[in-house]
Structure formats: structure tokens, C-alpha cells
Amino acid sequence: MTVRVSIDLNVRVRGNHTYTGLEDVSGGIARERMAVEVHEEESGLVGRGYITEIDEDRQLVYLAVEWDSLAPPSQAGVRATSSASSFKRLSQHPDDGSLVRSGNHLAKLSR
């Protein structure tokens, strides 16, 4: 079963990433670096994304979304993959292209 995360298309953080509450995750247990299907309820759009961080204290999930993959369900053919190349592309900072990693986890950007 694919983990599915509801997002708001108007919420952006850390460059071009987004976040949502843990209550918006369905279909399984969320883990960092996990490929997920993202969906936006108002428009019905679905696409691919990756969980970059889980803040358990604040009950938030941070995501790198492949914004170009968003499409209506009938056109999307969405299947979340765990491709390392897709994850690397999604986790690049849009300004300088460098990966922000700490061990196996993405580190917070400090600017």
C-alpha cells in the first residue's frame, strides 16, 4: 500500500518544499526519505514526493514534492518510487543545487 499525504499547494518552505500535519498522512507509517503519493483535495491533483523530515514534537511532516508530476488522477499514473536519483533531484536546494544531508537524513538549511 502506498503512503499518501495531503498537501496544500499554497504552502512552501525551505525553497520549494512543503509541510503538513502528521494527521494528513494515510496508508501506512511515515518515515524519512520515504517516497509517497501527494494529493491536494481541493483540486484533486496527485503526484510524487518524498518525506524529508518528520518533526514529532510539532507533529509535522516536511516534503520534497515533484511539482511537475501533479496531475488529475486520470492522467497522473502516479506511482511513488524510492529511486535514489529522484530523491537526490528533489532534495537539491534550488539556489545552489547542493544536497543538504546529515548522515542518512536531510539536515535543516542554515542561511
C-alpha atoms as a PDB file:
ATOM      1  CA  MET A   1       0.000   0.000   0.000  1.00  0.00           C
ATOM      2  CA  THR A   2       1.314   3.440  -0.938  1.00  0.00           C
ATOM      3  CA  VAL A   3       1.581   6.070   1.775  1.00  0.00           C
ATOM      4  CA  ARG A   4      -0.482   9.096   0.777  1.00  0.00           C
ATOM      5  CA  VAL A   5      -0.023  12.648   2.084  1.00  0.00           C
ATOM      6  CA  SER A   6      -2.498  15.529   1.720  1.00  0.00           C
ATOM      7  CA  ILE A   7      -0.794  18.829   0.874  1.00  0.00           C
ATOM      8  CA  ASP A   8      -1.766  22.459   0.375  1.00  0.00           C
ATOM      9  CA  LEU A   9      -0.408  23.802  -2.925  1.00  0.00           C
ATOM     10  CA  ASN A  10      -0.027  27.272  -1.380  1.00  0.00           C
ATOM     11  CA  VAL A  11       2.319  26.215   1.446  1.00  0.00           C
ATOM     12  CA  ARG A  12       6.039  26.350   0.578  1.00  0.00           C
ATOM     13  CA  VAL A  13       9.075  26.257   2.877  1.00  0.00           C
ATOM     14  CA  ARG A  14      12.829  25.699   2.516  1.00  0.00           C
ATOM     15  CA  GLY A  15      12.967  26.790  -1.073  1.00  0.00           C
ATOM     16  CA  ASN A  16      10.363  24.776  -2.904  1.00  0.00           C
ATOM     17  CA  HIS A  17       9.407  22.166  -0.302  1.00  0.00           C
ATOM     18  CA  THR A  18       6.190  21.967   1.722  1.00  0.00           C
ATOM     19  CA  TYR A  19       4.922  20.622   5.027  1.00  0.00           C
ATOM     20  CA  THR A  20       1.721  19.281   6.506  1.00  0.00           C
ATOM     21  CA  GLY A  21       0.466  17.729   9.734  1.00  0.00           C
ATOM     22  CA  LEU A  22       1.010  14.078  10.626  1.00  0.00           C
ATOM     23  CA  GLU A  23      -2.775  13.708  10.582  1.00  0.00           C
ATOM     24  CA  ASP A  24      -2.637  14.255   6.801  1.00  0.00           C
ATOM     25  CA  VAL A  25      -0.649  11.031   6.261  1.00  0.00           C
ATOM     26  CA  SER A  26      -2.631   7.876   5.412  1.00  0.00           C
ATOM     27  CA  GLY A  27      -1.988   4.367   4.171  1.00  0.00           C
ATOM     28  CA  GLY A  28       0.948   3.456   6.386  1.00  0.00           C
ATOM     29  CA  ILE A  29       3.648   4.668   8.717  1.00  0.00           C
ATOM     30  CA  ALA A  30       5.585   7.722   7.528  1.00  0.00           C
ATOM     31  CA  ARG A  31       9.393   7.535   7.566  1.00  0.00           C
ATOM     32  CA  GLU A  32      12.053   9.998   6.490  1.00  0.00           C
ATOM     33  CA  ARG A  33      13.278   9.510   2.901  1.00  0.00           C
ATOM     34  CA  MET A  34      10.101   7.581   2.088  1.00  0.00           C
ATOM     35  CA  ALA A  35       8.587   8.020  -1.360  1.00  0.00           C
ATOM     36  CA  VAL A  36       4.915   8.988  -1.084  1.00  0.00           C
ATOM     37  CA  GLU A  37       1.948   9.917  -3.212  1.00  0.00           C
ATOM     38  CA  VAL A  38       0.902  13.511  -2.560  1.00  0.00           C
ATOM     39  CA  HIS A  39      -2.588  14.786  -3.233  1.00  0.00           C
ATOM     40  CA  GLU A  40      -4.394  18.089  -2.957  1.00  0.00           C
ATOM     41  CA  GLU A  41      -8.036  17.648  -2.039  1.00  0.00           C
ATOM     42  CA  GLU A  42      -9.468  20.889  -3.454  1.00  0.00           C
ATOM     43  CA  SER A  43      -8.102  20.408  -6.978  1.00  0.00           C
ATOM     44  CA  GLY A  44      -7.911  16.606  -6.925  1.00  0.00           C
ATOM     45  CA  LEU A  45      -4.298  16.715  -8.171  1.00  0.00           C
ATOM     46  CA  VAL A  46      -1.951  13.847  -7.306  1.00  0.00           C
ATOM     47  CA  GLY A  47       1.803  13.476  -7.717  1.00  0.00           C
ATOM     48  CA  ARG A  48       5.055  12.167  -6.256  1.00  0.00           C
ATOM     49  CA  GLY A  49       7.023  13.361  -3.269  1.00  0.00           C
ATOM     50  CA  TYR A  50       9.465  12.304  -0.566  1.00  0.00           C
ATOM     51  CA  ILE A  51       9.389  12.822   3.177  1.00  0.00           C
ATOM     52  CA  THR A  52      12.466  14.864   4.074  1.00  0.00           C
ATOM     53  CA  GLU A  53      11.846  15.293   7.800  1.00  0.00           C
ATOM     54  CA  ILE A  54       9.354  14.374  10.499  1.00  0.00           C
ATOM     55  CA  ASP A  55       9.070  16.743  13.457  1.00  0.00           C
ATOM     56  CA  GLU A  56       7.364  14.607  16.090  1.00  0.00           C
ATOM     57  CA  ASP A  57       7.264  17.427  18.666  1.00  0.00           C
ATOM     58  CA  ARG A  58       5.271  19.675  16.323  1.00  0.00           C
ATOM     59  CA  GLN A  59       3.507  16.764  14.578  1.00  0.00           C
ATOM     60  CA  LEU A  60       4.686  17.973  11.137  1.00  0.00           C
ATOM     61  CA  VAL A  61       5.890  16.179   8.008  1.00  0.00           C
ATOM     62  CA  TYR A  62       8.215  18.047   5.609  1.00  0.00           C
ATOM     63  CA  LEU A  63       8.149  17.011   1.958  1.00  0.00           C
ATOM     64  CA  ALA A  64      10.057  17.464  -1.265  1.00  0.00           C
ATOM     65  CA  VAL A  65       7.363  17.397  -3.951  1.00  0.00           C
ATOM     66  CA  GLU A  66       7.966  16.731  -7.617  1.00  0.00           C
ATOM     67  CA  TRP A  67       5.686  19.632  -8.582  1.00  0.00           C
ATOM     68  CA  ASP A  68       5.792  18.759 -12.296  1.00  0.00           C
ATOM     69  CA  SER A  69       4.255  15.358 -11.505  1.00  0.00           C
ATOM     70  CA  LEU A  70       0.994  16.873 -10.197  1.00  0.00           C
ATOM     71  CA  ALA A  71      -1.925  15.979 -12.451  1.00  0.00           C
ATOM     72  CA  PRO A  72      -5.546  14.858 -12.233  1.00  0.00           C
ATOM     73  CA  PRO A  73      -5.732  11.206 -11.099  1.00  0.00           C
ATOM     74  CA  SER A  74      -6.875  10.012 -14.528  1.00  0.00           C
ATOM     75  CA  GLN A  75      -3.745  11.490 -16.163  1.00  0.00           C
ATOM     76  CA  ALA A  76      -1.185  11.066 -13.423  1.00  0.00           C
ATOM     77  CA  GLY A  77      -0.430   7.359 -13.435  1.00  0.00           C
ATOM     78  CA  VAL A  78       1.214   8.149 -10.108  1.00  0.00           C
ATOM     79  CA  ARG A  79       3.360   5.518  -8.525  1.00  0.00           C
ATOM     80  CA  ALA A  80       5.683   6.587  -5.754  1.00  0.00           C
ATOM     81  CA  THR A  81       9.147   5.148  -6.237  1.00  0.00           C
ATOM     82  CA  SER A  82      12.143   5.034  -3.970  1.00  0.00           C
ATOM     83  CA  SER A  83      14.580   5.898  -6.748  1.00  0.00           C
ATOM     84  CA  ALA A  84      17.740   7.425  -5.295  1.00  0.00           C
ATOM     85  CA  SER A  85      18.174   9.648  -8.345  1.00  0.00           C
ATOM     86  CA  SER A  86      14.669  11.063  -7.941  1.00  0.00           C
ATOM     87  CA  PHE A  87      15.287  11.668  -4.256  1.00  0.00           C
ATOM     88  CA  LYS A  88      18.588  13.425  -4.948  1.00  0.00           C
ATOM     89  CA  ARG A  89      16.922  15.659  -7.542  1.00  0.00           C
ATOM     90  CA  LEU A  90      14.069  16.535  -5.183  1.00  0.00           C
ATOM     91  CA  SER A  91      16.347  17.237  -2.237  1.00  0.00           C
ATOM     92  CA  GLN A  92      18.586  19.719  -4.012  1.00  0.00           C
ATOM     93  CA  HIS A  93      18.340  23.277  -2.811  1.00  0.00           C
ATOM     94  CA  PRO A  94      17.016  25.394  -5.714  1.00  0.00           C
ATOM     95  CA  ASP A  95      19.538  28.202  -5.175  1.00  0.00           C
ATOM     96  CA  ASP A  96      22.821  26.336  -5.225  1.00  0.00           C
ATOM     97  CA  GLY A  97      21.966  22.727  -6.128  1.00  0.00           C
ATOM     98  CA  SER A  98      23.813  21.280  -3.141  1.00  0.00           C
ATOM     99  CA  LEU A  99      22.373  18.411  -1.150  1.00  0.00           C
ATOM    100  CA  VAL A 100      21.667  19.155   2.454  1.00  0.00           C
ATOM    101  CA  ARG A 101      22.334  15.896   4.264  1.00  0.00           C
ATOM    102  CA  SER A 102      23.438  14.760   7.665  1.00  0.00           C
ATOM    103  CA  GLY A 103      24.170  11.042   7.617  1.00  0.00           C
ATOM    104  CA  ASN A 104      21.059   9.302   6.295  1.00  0.00           C
ATOM    105  CA  HIS A 105      18.833  12.294   6.996  1.00  0.00           C
ATOM    106  CA  LEU A 106      18.381  15.661   5.385  1.00  0.00           C
ATOM    107  CA  ALA A 107      19.690  18.477   7.549  1.00  0.00           C
ATOM    108  CA  LYS A 108      17.904  21.778   8.074  1.00  0.00           C
ATOM    109  CA  LEU A 109      19.082  24.571   5.825  1.00  0.00           C
ATOM    110  CA  SER A 110      21.007  27.253   7.678  1.00  0.00           C
ATOM    111  CA  ARG A 111      21.208  30.506   5.801  1.00  0.00           C
END
